Amino acid sequence: VGPRPCATPDEADVDVPVGDHMALTLSGRVLPAEDRRVLAAFAAQAAVAVDRRRLRQEADRAKRLAEGNRIRTALLAAVSHDLRTPLAGIKAAVTSLRSDDVAWSEEDEAELLQAIEEGADRLDHLVGNLLDMSRLQTGTVVPIIRETDLDEVIPMALGGVPDGSVELDIPESLPMVDVDRGLLERSVANVVENAVKYAPPGERVLVAASAMADRVEVRVVDRGPGVPDEAKTRIFEPFQRYGDTPRGNGVGLGLAVARGFAEAIGGSLHAEDTPGGGLTMVLALPTASQRRAQQPGPSQAST
């Protein structure tokens, strides 16, 4: 019968400390001095490795805390400004309509009611993005993937932008894509709404799709001020905004949510320059045939 493992250093024939709270123990025989030196050197290396792991864990914990503090600060900023602004507009319009001191004309009443409706829509959009980002960060987004025609989803994603602000070019000959329809719709909606915000007055945003090898690309093209190369990655981070929009600001979550949903359904989203000026968002989606080709066949299935 071989030596039993040591429950405590006192039960070992040899023990060498590894840091302050651990020890390397051996049982079975007493080591000569030369072997003890080798064991001590090994223990010193183990202590360094343990210390490095502890430092990495502490650094990761500090990073998570810093990220959490940054998000909480941004949420407070969103609540204090971006969410309170439409609330203030709604309250002012309602107070005006309820006032007995002014006789409002039908045109004035319609304008105030429109302001209330627009403020409520903006609040709904902001809260929706906050909830979506929370779902992405907690890993609770579970996509339901199925074959889909883009022309069944893209038009539905344009409900939040003014009529006539978008030009669609979605060929009927495009291959089917394998996506979660709801997540794709939200992703496209956020990208298009962002593009419309930055587009010059009277300039329509182009939403065009084309087949590229084993994927379908949806391009959202605007003629706005564009984004420099060094900011093209940063604009997809939560609570990041680049420049002022001609049509109001948000909490800086739209593109972060759009990319998160795109990646959740197996796609990707990146930004590139529009030739002649502006920004183009490129949403790449897997075709249904590509995903089927990647799935194991009956002979490859595990048992």
Protein backbone atom coordinates (compact mmCIF):
# COMPACT_ATOMS: atom_id res chain seq x y z
CA VAL A 1 0.00 0.00 0.00
CA GLY A 2 1.44 3.37 -1.01
CA PRO A 3 1.59 6.42 1.24
CA ARG A 4 -1.69 8.12 1.98
CA PRO A 5 -2.28 11.79 1.10
CA CYS A 6 -1.48 14.21 3.86
CA ALA A 7 -4.40 15.99 5.48
CA THR A 8 -2.08 18.45 7.26
CA PRO A 9 1.61 19.37 6.93
CA ASP A 10 2.21 17.68 10.30
CA GLU A 11 1.37 14.29 8.74
CA ALA A 12 3.99 14.68 5.97
CA ASP A 13 7.57 13.51 5.98
CA VAL A 14 8.56 16.68 4.07
CA ASP A 15 6.73 20.01 3.86
CA VAL A 16 7.84 23.20 2.14
CA PRO A 17 5.82 26.45 2.44
CA VAL A 18 4.22 27.85 -0.71
CA GLY A 19 3.35 31.41 0.16
CA ASP A 20 1.68 32.26 3.45
CA HIS A 21 -1.26 29.87 3.47
CA MET A 22 -0.19 26.75 1.54
CA ALA A 23 2.47 24.09 1.74
CA LEU A 24 3.88 21.48 -0.60
CA THR A 25 3.94 18.12 1.24
CA LEU A 26 5.46 14.71 0.53
CA SER A 27 5.08 11.46 2.41
CA GLY A 28 6.71 8.07 2.11
CA ARG A 29 10.34 8.87 2.83
CA VAL A 30 12.61 11.61 4.11
CA LEU A 31 14.33 13.52 1.32
CA PRO A 32 18.07 14.18 1.33
CA ALA A 33 19.26 17.79 1.44
CA GLU A 34 19.85 18.03 -2.32
CA ASP A 35 16.31 16.87 -3.12
CA ARG A 36 14.95 19.29 -0.53
CA ARG A 37 16.64 22.16 -2.36
CA VAL A 38 15.00 21.05 -5.61
CA LEU A 39 11.64 20.83 -3.85
CA ALA A 40 12.14 24.29 -2.34
CA ALA A 41 12.88 25.75 -5.78
CA PHE A 42 9.72 24.08 -7.14
CA ALA A 43 7.72 25.48 -4.22
CA ALA A 44 9.08 28.98 -4.91
CA GLN A 45 7.94 28.71 -8.55
CA ALA A 46 4.53 27.50 -7.39
CA ALA A 47 4.28 30.45 -5.01
CA VAL A 48 5.00 32.85 -7.89
CA ALA A 49 2.31 31.17 -10.04
CA VAL A 50 -0.23 31.33 -7.20
CA ASP A 51 0.58 34.99 -6.59
CA ARG A 52 0.19 35.80 -10.28
CA ARG A 53 -3.21 34.09 -10.35
CA ARG A 54 -4.29 36.06 -7.28
CA LEU A 55 -3.18 39.32 -8.88
CA ARG A 56 -5.06 38.48 -12.10
CA GLN A 57 -8.21 37.72 -10.13
CA GLU A 58 -7.90 40.97 -8.21
CA ALA A 59 -7.31 42.89 -11.45
CA ASP A 60 -10.36 41.24 -13.07
CA ARG A 61 -12.46 42.03 -10.02
CA ALA A 62 -11.30 45.66 -10.06
CA LYS A 63 -12.06 45.85 -13.79
CA ARG A 64 -15.57 44.50 -13.27
CA LEU A 65 -16.16 46.95 -10.43
CA ALA A 66 -14.89 49.84 -12.55
CA GLU A 67 -17.12 48.77 -15.45
CA GLY A 68 -20.08 48.46 -13.10
CA ASN A 69 -19.39 51.93 -11.69
CA ARG A 70 -19.10 53.35 -15.22
CA ILE A 71 -22.41 51.82 -16.25
CA ARG A 72 -24.13 53.01 -13.06
CA THR A 73 -22.79 56.51 -13.65
CA ALA A 74 -24.00 56.44 -17.24
CA LEU A 75 -27.40 55.15 -16.16
CA LEU A 76 -27.69 57.98 -13.67
CA ALA A 77 -26.80 60.42 -16.43
CA ALA A 78 -29.40 58.83 -18.68
CA VAL A 79 -32.08 59.04 -16.02
CA SER A 80 -31.15 62.60 -15.05
CA HIS A 81 -31.14 63.95 -18.60
CA ASP A 82 -32.17 61.69 -21.47
CA LEU A 83 -35.14 60.18 -19.68
CA ARG A 84 -36.22 63.29 -17.79
CA THR A 85 -36.18 65.48 -20.91
CA PRO A 86 -39.11 63.74 -22.65
CA LEU A 87 -40.89 63.45 -19.29
CA ALA A 88 -40.59 67.19 -18.82
CA GLY A 89 -41.96 67.79 -22.33
CA ILE A 90 -44.90 65.47 -21.72
CA LYS A 91 -45.71 67.11 -18.39
CA ALA A 92 -45.49 70.61 -19.87
CA ALA A 93 -47.85 69.67 -22.72
CA VAL A 94 -50.34 68.01 -20.38
CA THR A 95 -50.24 70.99 -17.98
CA SER A 96 -50.90 73.34 -20.88
CA LEU A 97 -53.88 71.31 -22.10
CA ARG A 98 -55.37 71.20 -18.59
CA SER A 99 -54.97 74.92 -18.05
CA ASP A 100 -58.24 76.86 -17.70
CA ASP A 101 -56.53 80.18 -18.42
CA VAL A 102 -55.98 79.58 -22.13
CA ALA A 103 -58.46 78.72 -24.86
CA TRP A 104 -56.47 76.45 -27.17
CA SER A 105 -57.32 76.22 -30.82
CA GLU A 106 -57.70 72.81 -32.45
CA GLU A 107 -54.33 73.29 -34.15
CA ASP A 108 -52.64 74.11 -30.82
CA GLU A 109 -54.23 71.10 -29.14
CA ALA A 110 -53.11 68.83 -31.96
CA GLU A 111 -49.57 70.16 -31.66
CA LEU A 112 -49.48 69.58 -27.91
CA LEU A 113 -50.91 66.07 -28.30
CA GLN A 114 -48.28 65.34 -30.92
CA ALA A 115 -45.57 66.49 -28.50
CA ILE A 116 -46.96 64.11 -25.86
CA GLU A 117 -47.01 61.23 -28.32
CA GLU A 118 -43.45 61.90 -29.51
CA GLY A 119 -42.20 62.17 -25.92
CA ALA A 120 -43.86 58.88 -24.99
CA ASP A 121 -42.37 57.17 -28.05
CA ARG A 122 -38.93 58.48 -27.14
CA LEU A 123 -39.29 57.23 -23.58
CA ASP A 124 -40.41 53.83 -24.84
CA HIS A 125 -37.37 53.63 -27.12
CA LEU A 126 -34.92 54.66 -24.39
CA VAL A 127 -36.32 52.23 -21.83
CA GLY A 128 -36.37 49.45 -24.43
CA ASN A 129 -32.68 49.93 -25.16
CA LEU A 130 -31.83 49.98 -21.45
CA LEU A 131 -33.69 46.70 -20.95
CA ASP A 132 -32.07 45.17 -24.04
CA MET A 133 -28.58 46.10 -22.86
CA SER A 134 -29.37 44.59 -19.46
CA ARG A 135 -30.41 41.34 -21.16
CA LEU A 136 -27.21 41.27 -23.21
CA GLN A 137 -24.95 41.91 -20.21
CA THR A 138 -26.65 39.23 -18.10
CA GLY A 139 -26.60 36.66 -20.92
CA THR A 140 -30.38 36.15 -20.96
CA VAL A 141 -30.79 36.65 -24.73
CA VAL A 142 -31.81 33.27 -26.20
CA PRO A 143 -32.25 33.55 -29.99
CA ILE A 144 -34.79 31.39 -31.84
CA ILE A 145 -33.09 30.75 -35.19
CA ARG A 146 -35.17 29.99 -38.29
CA GLU A 147 -35.07 30.57 -42.03
CA THR A 148 -36.26 34.07 -42.86
CA ASP A 149 -36.74 36.31 -45.88
CA LEU A 150 -35.21 39.72 -45.27
CA ASP A 151 -38.14 41.45 -46.97
CA GLU A 152 -40.34 40.06 -44.18
CA VAL A 153 -38.29 41.73 -41.45
CA ILE A 154 -36.57 44.87 -42.76
CA PRO A 155 -39.76 46.86 -43.53
CA MET A 156 -41.05 46.14 -40.00
CA ALA A 157 -37.85 47.64 -38.56
CA LEU A 158 -38.65 51.06 -40.03
CA GLY A 159 -41.66 51.82 -37.85
CA GLY A 160 -39.71 54.20 -35.63
CA VAL A 161 -38.48 56.57 -38.35
CA PRO A 162 -40.43 59.27 -40.24
CA ASP A 163 -42.15 58.29 -43.48
CA GLY A 164 -39.99 59.00 -46.51
CA SER A 165 -36.73 59.11 -44.55
CA VAL A 166 -35.52 55.71 -45.79
CA GLU A 167 -35.02 54.22 -49.25
CA LEU A 168 -35.24 50.42 -49.41
CA ASP A 169 -33.38 48.18 -51.85
CA ILE A 170 -34.06 44.56 -50.84
CA PRO A 171 -33.98 42.27 -53.92
CA GLU A 172 -36.47 39.40 -53.95
CA SER A 173 -33.74 37.07 -55.23
CA LEU A 174 -31.74 37.17 -51.99
CA PRO A 175 -31.12 33.83 -50.29
CA MET A 176 -32.87 33.04 -47.01
CA VAL A 177 -31.02 33.90 -43.82
CA ASP A 178 -30.98 31.95 -40.56
CA VAL A 179 -31.79 34.48 -37.84
CA ASP A 180 -34.01 35.30 -34.90
CA ARG A 181 -36.56 37.60 -36.51
CA GLY A 182 -37.22 39.68 -33.42
CA LEU A 183 -33.54 40.27 -32.66
CA LEU A 184 -32.80 41.08 -36.31
CA GLU A 185 -35.66 43.58 -36.40
CA ARG A 186 -34.41 45.34 -33.24
CA SER A 187 -30.84 45.40 -34.54
CA VAL A 188 -31.82 46.91 -37.90
CA ALA A 189 -34.23 49.36 -36.25
CA ASN A 190 -31.52 50.76 -33.97
CA VAL A 191 -29.03 51.10 -36.84
CA VAL A 192 -31.56 52.82 -39.12
CA GLU A 193 -32.80 55.18 -36.40
CA ASN A 194 -29.21 56.17 -35.66
CA ALA A 195 -28.56 56.83 -39.36
CA VAL A 196 -31.71 58.94 -39.72
CA LYS A 197 -30.65 61.06 -36.74
CA TYR A 198 -27.37 61.99 -38.43
CA ALA A 199 -28.63 62.28 -42.01
CA PRO A 200 -28.83 65.84 -43.39
CA PRO A 201 -32.37 67.26 -43.66
CA GLY A 202 -34.08 66.05 -46.80
CA GLU A 203 -31.47 63.33 -47.39
CA ARG A 204 -32.84 59.79 -47.26
CA VAL A 205 -31.00 56.88 -45.66
CA LEU A 206 -30.42 53.91 -47.97
CA VAL A 207 -31.03 50.38 -46.64
CA ALA A 208 -29.72 47.92 -49.23
CA ALA A 209 -29.09 44.18 -49.09
CA SER A 210 -26.96 41.93 -51.28
CA ALA A 211 -25.63 38.37 -51.29
CA MET A 212 -21.90 37.99 -50.62
CA ALA A 213 -20.57 34.41 -50.89
CA ASP A 214 -21.89 32.58 -47.79
CA ARG A 215 -23.61 35.57 -46.21
CA VAL A 216 -26.08 38.37 -46.85
CA GLU A 217 -25.03 41.94 -46.13
CA VAL A 218 -27.46 44.67 -45.12
CA ARG A 219 -25.94 48.13 -45.61
CA VAL A 220 -27.42 51.19 -43.92
CA VAL A 221 -25.95 54.21 -45.71
CA ASP A 222 -26.20 57.82 -44.57
CA ARG A 223 -24.68 61.07 -45.83
CA GLY A 224 -24.12 62.60 -42.41
CA PRO A 225 -20.87 63.91 -40.93
CA GLY A 226 -19.35 60.43 -40.66
CA VAL A 227 -17.09 59.05 -37.91
CA PRO A 228 -13.26 59.09 -37.88
CA ASP A 229 -11.48 55.74 -38.00
CA GLU A 230 -10.34 55.91 -34.36
CA ALA A 231 -13.98 56.17 -33.20
CA LYS A 232 -15.50 53.46 -35.42
CA THR A 233 -15.05 50.82 -32.72
CA ARG A 234 -15.90 53.05 -29.78
CA ILE A 235 -19.37 53.96 -31.11
CA PHE A 236 -20.48 50.36 -30.47
CA GLU A 237 -19.64 50.56 -26.76
CA PRO A 238 -22.50 51.15 -24.28
CA PHE A 239 -23.24 54.79 -23.40
CA GLN A 240 -20.99 56.15 -26.16
CA ARG A 241 -22.10 58.94 -28.50
CA TYR A 242 -20.10 60.67 -31.17
CA GLY A 243 -20.98 64.30 -31.84
CA ASP A 244 -24.38 65.96 -31.69
CA THR A 245 -27.30 64.68 -33.69
CA PRO A 246 -29.55 67.10 -35.58
CA ARG A 247 -32.62 65.25 -34.29
CA GLY A 248 -31.93 64.81 -30.58
CA ASN A 249 -29.71 62.58 -28.48
CA GLY A 250 -30.16 59.24 -26.76
CA VAL A 251 -28.35 57.38 -24.03
CA GLY A 252 -25.79 55.95 -26.44
CA LEU A 253 -27.07 52.37 -26.38
CA GLY A 254 -28.60 51.92 -29.82
CA LEU A 255 -25.52 50.69 -31.66
CA ALA A 256 -24.30 48.63 -28.69
CA VAL A 257 -27.64 46.80 -28.62
CA ALA A 258 -27.62 46.44 -32.42
CA ARG A 259 -24.18 44.78 -32.41
CA GLY A 260 -25.04 42.59 -29.42
CA PHE A 261 -28.18 41.26 -31.11
CA ALA A 262 -26.33 40.82 -34.43
CA GLU A 263 -23.67 38.68 -32.75
CA ALA A 264 -26.32 36.74 -30.81
CA ILE A 265 -27.81 35.50 -34.10
CA GLY A 266 -24.43 34.60 -35.59
CA GLY A 267 -23.90 37.81 -37.56
CA SER A 268 -21.65 40.83 -37.25
CA LEU A 269 -21.97 44.62 -37.41
CA HIS A 270 -19.25 47.11 -38.26
CA ALA A 271 -18.94 50.66 -39.56
CA GLU A 272 -17.15 51.95 -42.63
CA ASP A 273 -17.01 55.23 -44.54
CA THR A 274 -19.64 56.05 -47.12
CA PRO A 275 -17.93 56.97 -50.41
CA GLY A 276 -18.39 60.71 -50.85
CA GLY A 277 -19.06 61.32 -47.13
CA GLY A 278 -21.11 59.78 -44.38
CA LEU A 279 -21.21 56.47 -42.53
CA THR A 280 -22.25 52.99 -43.65
CA MET A 281 -23.22 50.29 -41.19
CA VAL A 282 -22.64 46.78 -42.54
CA LEU A 283 -24.74 44.00 -40.99
CA ALA A 284 -23.54 40.56 -42.17
CA LEU A 285 -25.93 37.62 -41.68
CA PRO A 286 -25.41 33.88 -42.24
CA THR A 287 -27.44 32.32 -45.03
CA ALA A 288 -29.64 29.35 -44.25
CA SER A 289 -27.57 27.13 -46.56
CA GLN A 290 -24.35 28.13 -44.78
CA ARG A 291 -25.68 27.22 -41.34
CA ARG A 292 -26.99 23.88 -42.63
CA ALA A 293 -23.55 23.14 -44.12
CA GLN A 294 -21.91 23.84 -40.75
CA GLN A 295 -24.24 21.52 -38.83
CA PRO A 296 -23.09 17.89 -38.42
CA GLY A 297 -24.86 15.35 -40.58
CA PRO A 298 -26.38 12.10 -39.28
CA SER A 299 -23.07 10.26 -39.68
CA GLN A 300 -21.25 12.97 -37.71
CA ALA A 301 -23.67 13.26 -34.84
CA SER A 302 -22.30 12.28 -31.47
CA THR A 303 -23.79 9.30 -29.64
